[in-house]
Amino acid sequence: MKRLVSLFSLFFKIGLFSIGGGYVMLPMLKEEMVRKKGWLTDEEILNYYAIGQATPGIIAINTATFAGYKTAGIPGALAATAGMVTPSLIIISLIAAFLSDFREIPLVARAFAGIRVSVAVLLFFTIADMIKKGIKNPFDFLLLAAAFCGIAFFGLSPVTIALGAAAAGILGGLKIREGQP
């Protein structure tokens, strides 16, 4: 029960401060679940994040669900998901109840302008960290380049990119195994 409360609290905190979407949560998730608690490894976090990106739904909630499940099974998945969703639910309910033109308030508009800058910086460093940890050989770099070109120059869907990368990874893994004794 203590772990479930801890999961809910952790993801409540992450949900509360993940302004800017699921990509912003990765540094906080790694700090808490890998470095502080030791519940997951860097590789597991990246895997859950990749699966969360490829599955339908909100990446932050998907990732919370996978991480919670790994940490404490189905009850852990439910606790992590509830923790991730609760702050947004509370904040949106309060805004809807009390401030009909919330974004039009000059102070709020300026705050969001500043937040956007910090989110961009967090995204930059998160992506750089993911690339450093995810690129382990020339094949991985080729996949990265192909995925980037597919999205940047050809406008391919992230789903197409994820499925293509999964297929390439499987085929690449099979070729590597065939070459080994």
N, C-alpha and C. Protein backbone atom coordinates (compact mmCIF):
# COMPACT_ATOMS: atom_id res chain seq x y z
N MET A 1 0.82 -1.19 0.00
CA MET A 1 0.00 0.00 0.00
C MET A 1 0.87 1.26 0.00
N LYS A 2 1.99 1.21 0.71
CA LYS A 2 2.89 2.36 0.78
C LYS A 2 3.43 2.71 -0.61
N ARG A 3 3.76 1.69 -1.40
CA ARG A 3 4.27 1.94 -2.74
C ARG A 3 3.20 2.57 -3.63
N LEU A 4 1.95 2.16 -3.47
CA LEU A 4 0.86 2.73 -4.27
C LEU A 4 0.66 4.21 -3.94
N VAL A 5 0.70 4.52 -2.65
CA VAL A 5 0.59 5.93 -2.24
C VAL A 5 1.78 6.72 -2.79
N SER A 6 2.95 6.12 -2.74
CA SER A 6 4.14 6.78 -3.26
C SER A 6 4.03 7.01 -4.77
N LEU A 7 3.52 6.01 -5.50
CA LEU A 7 3.32 6.15 -6.95
C LEU A 7 2.32 7.26 -7.25
N PHE A 8 1.19 7.25 -6.54
CA PHE A 8 0.19 8.30 -6.76
C PHE A 8 0.80 9.67 -6.50
N SER A 9 1.50 9.83 -5.37
CA SER A 9 2.10 11.12 -5.00
C SER A 9 3.13 11.56 -6.03
N LEU A 10 3.98 10.63 -6.45
CA LEU A 10 5.01 10.95 -7.43
C LEU A 10 4.39 11.45 -8.74
N PHE A 11 3.41 10.71 -9.24
CA PHE A 11 2.80 11.09 -10.51
C PHE A 11 1.88 12.30 -10.37
N PHE A 12 1.35 12.53 -9.17
CA PHE A 12 0.60 13.76 -8.92
C PHE A 12 1.54 14.95 -9.08
N LYS A 13 2.72 14.84 -8.47
CA LYS A 13 3.71 15.91 -8.56
C LYS A 13 4.16 16.11 -10.01
N ILE A 14 4.44 15.03 -10.71
CA ILE A 14 4.84 15.14 -12.11
C ILE A 14 3.71 15.74 -12.95
N GLY A 15 2.49 15.29 -12.70
CA GLY A 15 1.34 15.83 -13.43
C GLY A 15 1.12 17.30 -13.15
N LEU A 16 1.42 17.71 -11.95
CA LEU A 16 1.23 19.10 -11.55
C LEU A 16 2.24 20.03 -12.25
N PHE A 17 3.43 19.52 -12.47
CA PHE A 17 4.49 20.36 -13.03
C PHE A 17 4.86 19.99 -14.47
N SER A 18 4.10 19.17 -15.13
CA SER A 18 4.37 18.80 -16.52
C SER A 18 3.66 19.73 -17.49
N ILE A 19 3.84 21.01 -17.30
CA ILE A 19 3.25 21.99 -18.21
C ILE A 19 4.03 21.89 -19.51
N GLY A 20 3.33 21.66 -20.60
CA GLY A 20 3.99 21.54 -21.90
C GLY A 20 3.87 20.16 -22.48
N GLY A 21 3.25 19.25 -21.77
CA GLY A 21 3.01 17.92 -22.33
C GLY A 21 3.92 16.85 -21.79
N GLY A 22 3.76 15.68 -22.36
CA GLY A 22 4.45 14.49 -21.88
C GLY A 22 5.96 14.53 -22.00
N TYR A 23 6.48 15.28 -22.97
CA TYR A 23 7.92 15.32 -23.14
C TYR A 23 8.61 15.98 -21.96
N VAL A 24 7.92 16.89 -21.32
CA VAL A 24 8.49 17.62 -20.21
C VAL A 24 8.60 16.74 -18.97
N MET A 25 7.79 15.69 -18.90
CA MET A 25 7.80 14.85 -17.71
C MET A 25 9.02 13.94 -17.64
N LEU A 26 9.67 13.68 -18.77
CA LEU A 26 10.76 12.70 -18.79
C LEU A 26 11.89 13.02 -17.82
N PRO A 27 12.40 14.26 -17.76
CA PRO A 27 13.47 14.52 -16.78
C PRO A 27 13.02 14.28 -15.34
N MET A 28 11.78 14.68 -15.02
CA MET A 28 11.27 14.47 -13.65
C MET A 28 11.09 12.98 -13.37
N LEU A 29 10.58 12.25 -14.35
CA LEU A 29 10.35 10.82 -14.20
C LEU A 29 11.67 10.09 -13.97
N LYS A 30 12.68 10.44 -14.75
CA LYS A 30 13.99 9.81 -14.60
C LYS A 30 14.60 10.13 -13.24
N GLU A 31 14.50 11.38 -12.84
CA GLU A 31 15.06 11.79 -11.54
C GLU A 31 14.42 11.01 -10.40
N GLU A 32 13.11 10.92 -10.41
CA GLU A 32 12.39 10.29 -9.30
C GLU A 32 12.46 8.76 -9.35
N MET A 33 12.14 8.17 -10.50
CA MET A 33 11.99 6.70 -10.55
C MET A 33 13.29 5.96 -10.78
N VAL A 34 14.26 6.62 -11.43
CA VAL A 34 15.54 5.96 -11.69
C VAL A 34 16.56 6.35 -10.63
N ARG A 35 16.80 7.63 -10.49
CA ARG A 35 17.87 8.08 -9.61
C ARG A 35 17.51 8.01 -8.12
N LYS A 36 16.36 8.52 -7.75
CA LYS A 36 16.01 8.57 -6.32
C LYS A 36 15.48 7.25 -5.79
N LYS A 37 14.54 6.63 -6.48
CA LYS A 37 13.88 5.44 -5.96
C LYS A 37 14.47 4.12 -6.48
N GLY A 38 15.10 4.17 -7.65
CA GLY A 38 15.68 2.96 -8.23
C GLY A 38 14.65 1.94 -8.69
N TRP A 39 13.43 2.38 -8.95
CA TRP A 39 12.37 1.46 -9.37
C TRP A 39 12.50 1.04 -10.82
N LEU A 40 13.08 1.91 -11.64
CA LEU A 40 13.24 1.63 -13.07
C LEU A 40 14.65 2.00 -13.50
N THR A 41 15.05 1.50 -14.67
CA THR A 41 16.33 1.87 -15.25
C THR A 41 16.10 2.93 -16.32
N ASP A 42 17.17 3.59 -16.74
CA ASP A 42 17.07 4.57 -17.84
C ASP A 42 16.47 3.92 -19.08
N GLU A 43 16.93 2.72 -19.37
CA GLU A 43 16.45 2.01 -20.57
C GLU A 43 14.95 1.69 -20.47
N GLU A 44 14.51 1.26 -19.29
CA GLU A 44 13.08 0.99 -19.12
C GLU A 44 12.25 2.25 -19.32
N ILE A 45 12.71 3.38 -18.75
CA ILE A 45 11.99 4.64 -18.92
C ILE A 45 11.88 4.98 -20.40
N LEU A 46 12.98 4.88 -21.13
CA LEU A 46 12.95 5.20 -22.56
C LEU A 46 12.03 4.25 -23.32
N ASN A 47 12.04 2.98 -22.94
CA ASN A 47 11.15 2.01 -23.59
C ASN A 47 9.68 2.35 -23.33
N TYR A 48 9.34 2.65 -22.08
CA TYR A 48 7.95 2.99 -21.76
C TYR A 48 7.54 4.28 -22.45
N TYR A 49 8.49 5.19 -22.55
CA TYR A 49 8.22 6.45 -23.22
C TYR A 49 7.95 6.21 -24.71
N ALA A 50 8.76 5.36 -25.32
CA ALA A 50 8.57 5.05 -26.75
C ALA A 50 7.24 4.34 -26.97
N ILE A 51 6.91 3.39 -26.11
CA ILE A 51 5.63 2.69 -26.23
C ILE A 51 4.48 3.66 -25.98
N GLY A 52 4.64 4.53 -24.98
CA GLY A 52 3.62 5.53 -24.68
C GLY A 52 3.38 6.47 -25.85
N GLN A 53 4.44 6.77 -26.59
CA GLN A 53 4.33 7.63 -27.78
C GLN A 53 3.60 6.90 -28.91
N ALA A 54 3.85 5.61 -29.03
CA ALA A 54 3.30 4.85 -30.16
C ALA A 54 1.87 4.36 -29.93
N THR A 55 1.44 4.29 -28.68
CA THR A 55 0.09 3.80 -28.40
C THR A 55 -0.90 4.96 -28.37
N PRO A 56 -2.17 4.66 -28.65
CA PRO A 56 -3.17 5.73 -28.64
C PRO A 56 -3.31 6.35 -27.25
N GLY A 57 -3.55 7.63 -27.22
CA GLY A 57 -3.74 8.32 -25.96
C GLY A 57 -2.65 9.32 -25.68
N ILE A 58 -2.71 9.87 -24.50
CA ILE A 58 -1.77 10.93 -24.10
C ILE A 58 -0.48 10.27 -23.61
N ILE A 59 0.65 10.70 -24.16
CA ILE A 59 1.93 10.07 -23.86
C ILE A 59 2.24 10.07 -22.37
N ALA A 60 1.95 11.15 -21.66
CA ALA A 60 2.25 11.23 -20.23
C ALA A 60 1.46 10.19 -19.45
N ILE A 61 0.21 10.03 -19.79
CA ILE A 61 -0.64 9.06 -19.09
C ILE A 61 -0.23 7.64 -19.45
N ASN A 62 0.05 7.40 -20.73
CA ASN A 62 0.50 6.07 -21.15
C ASN A 62 1.79 5.68 -20.43
N THR A 63 2.74 6.61 -20.39
CA THR A 63 4.02 6.34 -19.74
C THR A 63 3.83 6.10 -18.24
N ALA A 64 2.98 6.90 -17.61
CA ALA A 64 2.70 6.70 -16.18
C ALA A 64 2.10 5.32 -15.94
N THR A 65 1.19 4.92 -16.81
CA THR A 65 0.55 3.61 -16.67
C THR A 65 1.57 2.48 -16.78
N PHE A 66 2.44 2.56 -17.80
CA PHE A 66 3.46 1.51 -17.97
C PHE A 66 4.44 1.47 -16.81
N ALA A 67 4.90 2.65 -16.37
CA ALA A 67 5.85 2.71 -15.26
C ALA A 67 5.21 2.21 -13.97
N GLY A 68 3.96 2.59 -13.74
CA GLY A 68 3.25 2.12 -12.55
C GLY A 68 3.05 0.62 -12.56
N TYR A 69 2.73 0.08 -13.75
CA TYR A 69 2.54 -1.37 -13.88
C TYR A 69 3.84 -2.11 -13.58
N LYS A 70 4.96 -1.62 -14.11
CA LYS A 70 6.24 -2.26 -13.87
C LYS A 70 6.61 -2.21 -12.39
N THR A 71 6.24 -1.12 -11.74
CA THR A 71 6.61 -0.92 -10.34
C THR A 71 5.74 -1.71 -9.37
N ALA A 72 4.41 -1.81 -9.65
CA ALA A 72 3.51 -2.46 -8.68
C ALA A 72 2.32 -3.15 -9.36
N GLY A 73 2.48 -3.64 -10.57
CA GLY A 73 1.41 -4.38 -11.23
C GLY A 73 0.21 -3.50 -11.58
N ILE A 74 -0.95 -4.12 -11.70
CA ILE A 74 -2.17 -3.39 -12.07
C ILE A 74 -2.52 -2.31 -11.04
N PRO A 75 -2.44 -2.59 -9.73
CA PRO A 75 -2.71 -1.49 -8.78
C PRO A 75 -1.74 -0.31 -8.97
N GLY A 76 -0.49 -0.61 -9.30
CA GLY A 76 0.49 0.44 -9.55
C GLY A 76 0.15 1.25 -10.78
N ALA A 77 -0.31 0.56 -11.83
CA ALA A 77 -0.72 1.26 -13.06
C ALA A 77 -1.88 2.20 -12.76
N LEU A 78 -2.84 1.73 -11.98
CA LEU A 78 -3.99 2.56 -11.63
C LEU A 78 -3.58 3.75 -10.76
N ALA A 79 -2.70 3.53 -9.79
CA ALA A 79 -2.26 4.61 -8.90
C ALA A 79 -1.47 5.66 -9.69
N ALA A 80 -0.56 5.23 -10.54
CA ALA A 80 0.25 6.17 -11.33
C ALA A 80 -0.63 6.96 -12.29
N THR A 81 -1.55 6.29 -12.95
CA THR A 81 -2.45 6.96 -13.89
C THR A 81 -3.34 7.97 -13.17
N ALA A 82 -3.90 7.57 -12.04
CA ALA A 82 -4.74 8.48 -11.26
C ALA A 82 -3.94 9.69 -10.78
N GLY A 83 -2.71 9.44 -10.35
CA GLY A 83 -1.86 10.54 -9.91
C GLY A 83 -1.54 11.51 -11.04
N MET A 84 -1.34 10.99 -12.23
CA MET A 84 -1.01 11.83 -13.39
C MET A 84 -2.21 12.67 -13.83
N VAL A 85 -3.40 12.12 -13.74
CA VAL A 85 -4.61 12.78 -14.24
C VAL A 85 -5.18 13.79 -13.23
N THR A 86 -5.06 13.50 -11.96
CA THR A 86 -5.72 14.30 -10.93
C THR A 86 -5.36 15.79 -10.94
N PRO A 87 -4.08 16.17 -11.06
CA PRO A 87 -3.79 17.62 -11.06
C PRO A 87 -4.49 18.36 -12.21
N SER A 88 -4.45 17.79 -13.39
CA SER A 88 -5.10 18.43 -14.54
C SER A 88 -6.60 18.55 -14.32
N LEU A 89 -7.18 17.51 -13.80
CA LEU A 89 -8.61 17.53 -13.53
C LEU A 89 -8.98 18.64 -12.53
N ILE A 90 -8.20 18.76 -11.50
CA ILE A 90 -8.45 19.81 -10.49
C ILE A 90 -8.26 21.20 -11.10
N ILE A 91 -7.14 21.40 -11.78
CA ILE A 91 -6.83 22.71 -12.34
C ILE A 91 -7.87 23.12 -13.39
N ILE A 92 -8.21 22.23 -14.29
CA ILE A 92 -9.19 22.55 -15.33
C ILE A 92 -10.56 22.82 -14.72
N SER A 93 -10.92 22.06 -13.72
CA SER A 93 -12.21 22.30 -13.05
C SER A 93 -12.25 23.68 -12.39
N LEU A 94 -11.16 24.06 -11.72
CA LEU A 94 -11.10 25.38 -11.08
C LEU A 94 -11.14 26.51 -12.12
N ILE A 95 -10.38 26.34 -13.18
CA ILE A 95 -10.38 27.37 -14.22
C ILE A 95 -11.77 27.50 -14.83
N ALA A 96 -12.38 26.38 -15.15
CA ALA A 96 -13.72 26.40 -15.76
C ALA A 96 -14.75 27.02 -14.81
N ALA A 97 -14.59 26.77 -13.53
CA ALA A 97 -15.57 27.26 -12.56
C ALA A 97 -15.42 28.76 -12.27
N PHE A 98 -14.19 29.25 -12.25
CA PHE A 98 -13.98 30.61 -11.79
C PHE A 98 -13.51 31.61 -12.84
N LEU A 99 -12.88 31.15 -13.88
CA LEU A 99 -12.32 32.09 -14.84
C LEU A 99 -12.70 31.71 -16.27
N SER A 100 -13.71 32.37 -16.79
CA SER A 100 -14.18 32.01 -18.13
C SER A 100 -13.19 32.44 -19.21
N ASP A 101 -12.52 33.57 -19.04
CA ASP A 101 -11.57 34.05 -20.04
C ASP A 101 -10.14 34.03 -19.48
N PHE A 102 -9.76 32.89 -18.97
CA PHE A 102 -8.48 32.72 -18.27
C PHE A 102 -7.29 33.17 -19.12
N ARG A 103 -7.26 32.74 -20.39
CA ARG A 103 -6.11 33.05 -21.25
C ARG A 103 -6.02 34.53 -21.59
N GLU A 104 -7.11 35.24 -21.47
CA GLU A 104 -7.14 36.66 -21.83
C GLU A 104 -6.59 37.55 -20.72
N ILE A 105 -6.38 37.01 -19.54
CA ILE A 105 -5.82 37.79 -18.44
C ILE A 105 -4.36 38.08 -18.77
N PRO A 106 -3.96 39.36 -18.85
CA PRO A 106 -2.58 39.70 -19.26
C PRO A 106 -1.50 38.99 -18.45
N LEU A 107 -1.66 38.91 -17.16
CA LEU A 107 -0.66 38.24 -16.33
C LEU A 107 -0.52 36.76 -16.69
N VAL A 108 -1.64 36.12 -16.94
CA VAL A 108 -1.64 34.70 -17.32
C VAL A 108 -0.99 34.53 -18.70
N ALA A 109 -1.32 35.41 -19.64
CA ALA A 109 -0.74 35.33 -20.98
C ALA A 109 0.78 35.47 -20.92
N ARG A 110 1.28 36.42 -20.10
CA ARG A 110 2.72 36.59 -19.97
C ARG A 110 3.36 35.38 -19.27
N ALA A 111 2.68 34.83 -18.29
CA ALA A 111 3.21 33.64 -17.61
C ALA A 111 3.36 32.48 -18.59
N PHE A 112 2.34 32.28 -19.43
CA PHE A 112 2.42 31.19 -20.41
C PHE A 112 3.51 31.43 -21.45
N ALA A 113 3.76 32.69 -21.80
CA ALA A 113 4.85 33.00 -22.73
C ALA A 113 6.19 32.56 -22.12
N GLY A 114 6.38 32.84 -20.84
CA GLY A 114 7.60 32.41 -20.16
C GLY A 114 7.68 30.91 -20.02
N ILE A 115 6.57 30.29 -19.71
CA ILE A 115 6.53 28.84 -19.56
C ILE A 115 6.90 28.15 -20.87
N ARG A 116 6.42 28.69 -22.00
CA ARG A 116 6.74 28.10 -23.30
C ARG A 116 8.24 28.05 -23.53
N VAL A 117 8.95 29.08 -23.13
CA VAL A 117 10.41 29.10 -23.29
C VAL A 117 11.04 27.99 -22.45
N SER A 118 10.62 27.88 -21.20
CA SER A 118 11.21 26.84 -20.35
C SER A 118 10.87 25.44 -20.85
N VAL A 119 9.68 25.27 -21.40
CA VAL A 119 9.29 23.98 -21.97
C VAL A 119 10.18 23.64 -23.16
N ALA A 120 10.46 24.63 -24.01
CA ALA A 120 11.34 24.40 -25.16
C ALA A 120 12.72 23.93 -24.71
N VAL A 121 13.26 24.55 -23.66
CA VAL A 121 14.57 24.16 -23.14
C VAL A 121 14.52 22.73 -22.58
N LEU A 122 13.47 22.43 -21.80
CA LEU A 122 13.33 21.07 -21.26
C LEU A 122 13.23 20.05 -22.39
N LEU A 123 12.47 20.36 -23.42
CA LEU A 123 12.35 19.44 -24.55
C LEU A 123 13.69 19.23 -25.24
N PHE A 124 14.43 20.30 -25.44
CA PHE A 124 15.74 20.20 -26.09
C PHE A 124 16.65 19.24 -25.32
N PHE A 125 16.78 19.45 -24.02
CA PHE A 125 17.67 18.61 -23.23
C PHE A 125 17.14 17.17 -23.09
N THR A 126 15.84 17.01 -23.06
CA THR A 126 15.26 15.67 -23.01
C THR A 126 15.58 14.91 -24.29
N ILE A 127 15.40 15.57 -25.42
CA ILE A 127 15.67 14.93 -26.70
C ILE A 127 17.16 14.61 -26.83
N ALA A 128 18.02 15.54 -26.44
CA ALA A 128 19.46 15.29 -26.50
C ALA A 128 19.83 14.09 -25.64
N ASP A 129 19.26 14.00 -24.45
CA ASP A 129 19.54 12.87 -23.56
C ASP A 129 19.02 11.56 -24.15
N MET A 130 17.83 11.59 -24.73
CA MET A 130 17.27 10.38 -25.35
C MET A 130 18.14 9.92 -26.51
N ILE A 131 18.64 10.86 -27.31
CA ILE A 131 19.50 10.50 -28.44
C ILE A 131 20.79 9.88 -27.93
N LYS A 132 21.41 10.50 -26.91
CA LYS A 132 22.65 9.95 -26.36
C LYS A 132 22.48 8.52 -25.86
N LYS A 133 21.36 8.27 -25.20
CA LYS A 133 21.14 6.94 -24.62
C LYS A 133 20.57 5.95 -25.63
N GLY A 134 19.91 6.44 -26.65
CA GLY A 134 19.25 5.55 -27.60
C GLY A 134 20.11 5.14 -28.78
N ILE A 135 21.10 5.93 -29.13
CA ILE A 135 21.96 5.64 -30.28
C ILE A 135 23.18 4.87 -29.79
N LYS A 136 23.20 3.58 -30.08
CA LYS A 136 24.27 2.73 -29.57
C LYS A 136 25.18 2.19 -30.67
N ASN A 137 24.74 2.33 -31.93
CA ASN A 137 25.53 1.81 -33.05
C ASN A 137 25.12 2.53 -34.33
N PRO A 138 25.83 2.28 -35.42
CA PRO A 138 25.50 2.98 -36.68
C PRO A 138 24.07 2.69 -37.18
N PHE A 139 23.57 1.50 -36.94
CA PHE A 139 22.21 1.17 -37.35
C PHE A 139 21.20 2.07 -36.64
N ASP A 140 21.39 2.29 -35.34
CA ASP A 140 20.50 3.18 -34.59
C ASP A 140 20.55 4.60 -35.15
N PHE A 141 21.76 5.05 -35.53
CA PHE A 141 21.89 6.39 -36.10
C PHE A 141 21.15 6.48 -37.43
N LEU A 142 21.24 5.42 -38.24
CA LEU A 142 20.50 5.41 -39.52
C LEU A 142 18.99 5.49 -39.29
N LEU A 143 18.50 4.76 -38.29
CA LEU A 143 17.08 4.83 -37.95
C LEU A 143 16.69 6.24 -37.51
N LEU A 144 17.53 6.87 -36.70
CA LEU A 144 17.28 8.23 -36.26
C LEU A 144 17.21 9.18 -37.46
N ALA A 145 18.18 9.08 -38.35
CA ALA A 145 18.22 9.96 -39.53
C ALA A 145 17.00 9.72 -40.43
N ALA A 146 16.66 8.44 -40.63
CA ALA A 146 15.51 8.13 -41.48
C ALA A 146 14.21 8.64 -40.86
N ALA A 147 14.06 8.47 -39.54
CA ALA A 147 12.85 8.95 -38.87
C ALA A 147 12.77 10.47 -38.95
N PHE A 148 13.89 11.15 -38.72
CA PHE A 148 13.90 12.61 -38.81
C PHE A 148 13.52 13.07 -40.20
N CYS A 149 14.13 12.49 -41.22
CA CYS A 149 13.83 12.87 -42.61
C CYS A 149 12.37 12.56 -42.95
N GLY A 150 11.88 11.41 -42.49
CA GLY A 150 10.50 11.03 -42.78
C GLY A 150 9.51 12.05 -42.25
N ILE A 151 9.78 12.56 -41.05
CA ILE A 151 8.87 13.54 -40.45
C ILE A 151 9.14 14.95 -41.00
N ALA A 152 10.41 15.36 -41.01
CA ALA A 152 10.75 16.74 -41.37
C ALA A 152 10.53 17.04 -42.85
N PHE A 153 10.88 16.11 -43.73
CA PHE A 153 10.84 16.40 -45.16
C PHE A 153 9.66 15.77 -45.90
N PHE A 154 9.14 14.66 -45.37
CA PHE A 154 8.07 13.97 -46.08
C PHE A 154 6.73 14.01 -45.35
N GLY A 155 6.72 14.58 -44.15
CA GLY A 155 5.48 14.73 -43.40
C GLY A 155 4.83 13.41 -42.99
N LEU A 156 5.65 12.36 -42.80
CA LEU A 156 5.09 11.06 -42.41
C LEU A 156 4.51 11.13 -41.00
N SER A 157 3.51 10.33 -40.77
CA SER A 157 2.86 10.24 -39.47
C SER A 157 3.81 9.60 -38.45
N PRO A 158 3.78 10.07 -37.19
CA PRO A 158 4.59 9.42 -36.16
C PRO A 158 4.27 7.92 -36.01
N VAL A 159 3.02 7.55 -36.29
CA VAL A 159 2.66 6.13 -36.23
C VAL A 159 3.42 5.36 -37.31
N THR A 160 3.47 5.90 -38.51
CA THR A 160 4.21 5.27 -39.61
C THR A 160 5.68 5.15 -39.25
N ILE A 161 6.23 6.21 -38.69
CA ILE A 161 7.64 6.21 -38.28
C ILE A 161 7.89 5.14 -37.21
N ALA A 162 7.02 5.09 -36.19
CA ALA A 162 7.19 4.11 -35.10
C ALA A 162 7.09 2.68 -35.62
N LEU A 163 6.11 2.41 -36.47
CA LEU A 163 5.95 1.07 -37.03
C LEU A 163 7.14 0.70 -37.93
N GLY A 164 7.57 1.66 -38.74
CA GLY A 164 8.73 1.40 -39.60
C GLY A 164 9.99 1.15 -38.79
N ALA A 165 10.20 1.94 -37.74
CA ALA A 165 11.37 1.76 -36.89
C ALA A 165 11.32 0.43 -36.15
N ALA A 166 10.12 0.04 -35.71
CA ALA A 166 9.98 -1.26 -35.04
C ALA A 166 10.33 -2.39 -36.00
N ALA A 167 9.80 -2.31 -37.23
CA ALA A 167 10.09 -3.35 -38.23
C ALA A 167 11.59 -3.38 -38.55
N ALA A 168 12.19 -2.19 -38.72
CA ALA A 168 13.63 -2.13 -39.01
C ALA A 168 14.43 -2.69 -37.84
N GLY A 169 14.01 -2.38 -36.61
CA GLY A 169 14.71 -2.90 -35.44
C GLY A 169 14.64 -4.42 -35.36
N ILE A 170 13.47 -4.96 -35.66
CA ILE A 170 13.31 -6.43 -35.66
C ILE A 170 14.19 -7.05 -36.72
N LEU A 171 14.12 -6.51 -37.94
CA LEU A 171 14.93 -7.06 -39.03
C LEU A 171 16.42 -6.89 -38.75
N GLY A 172 16.80 -5.73 -38.22
CA GLY A 172 18.20 -5.50 -37.86
C GLY A 172 18.67 -6.47 -36.79
N GLY A 173 17.83 -6.73 -35.80
CA GLY A 173 18.16 -7.68 -34.75
C GLY A 173 18.32 -9.09 -35.27
N LEU A 174 17.46 -9.46 -36.22
CA LEU A 174 17.56 -10.79 -36.82
C LEU A 174 18.84 -10.94 -37.63
N LYS A 175 19.20 -9.91 -38.37
CA LYS A 175 20.42 -9.95 -39.18
C LYS A 175 21.66 -10.05 -38.28
N ILE A 176 21.65 -9.33 -37.18
CA ILE A 176 22.79 -9.37 -36.25
C ILE A 176 22.91 -10.77 -35.64
N ARG A 177 21.78 -11.37 -35.27
CA ARG A 177 21.81 -12.73 -34.68
C ARG A 177 22.30 -13.76 -35.69
N GLU A 178 21.90 -13.59 -36.97
CA GLU A 178 22.34 -14.54 -38.00
C GLU A 178 23.84 -14.52 -38.15
N GLY A 179 24.45 -13.33 -37.97
CA GLY A 179 25.89 -13.18 -38.13
C GLY A 179 26.67 -13.71 -36.95
N GLN A 180 26.02 -13.97 -35.81
CA GLN A 180 26.72 -14.45 -34.62
C GLN A 180 26.67 -15.97 -34.57
N PRO A 181 27.70 -16.56 -33.97
CA PRO A 181 27.73 -18.05 -33.88
C PRO A 181 26.72 -18.58 -32.90
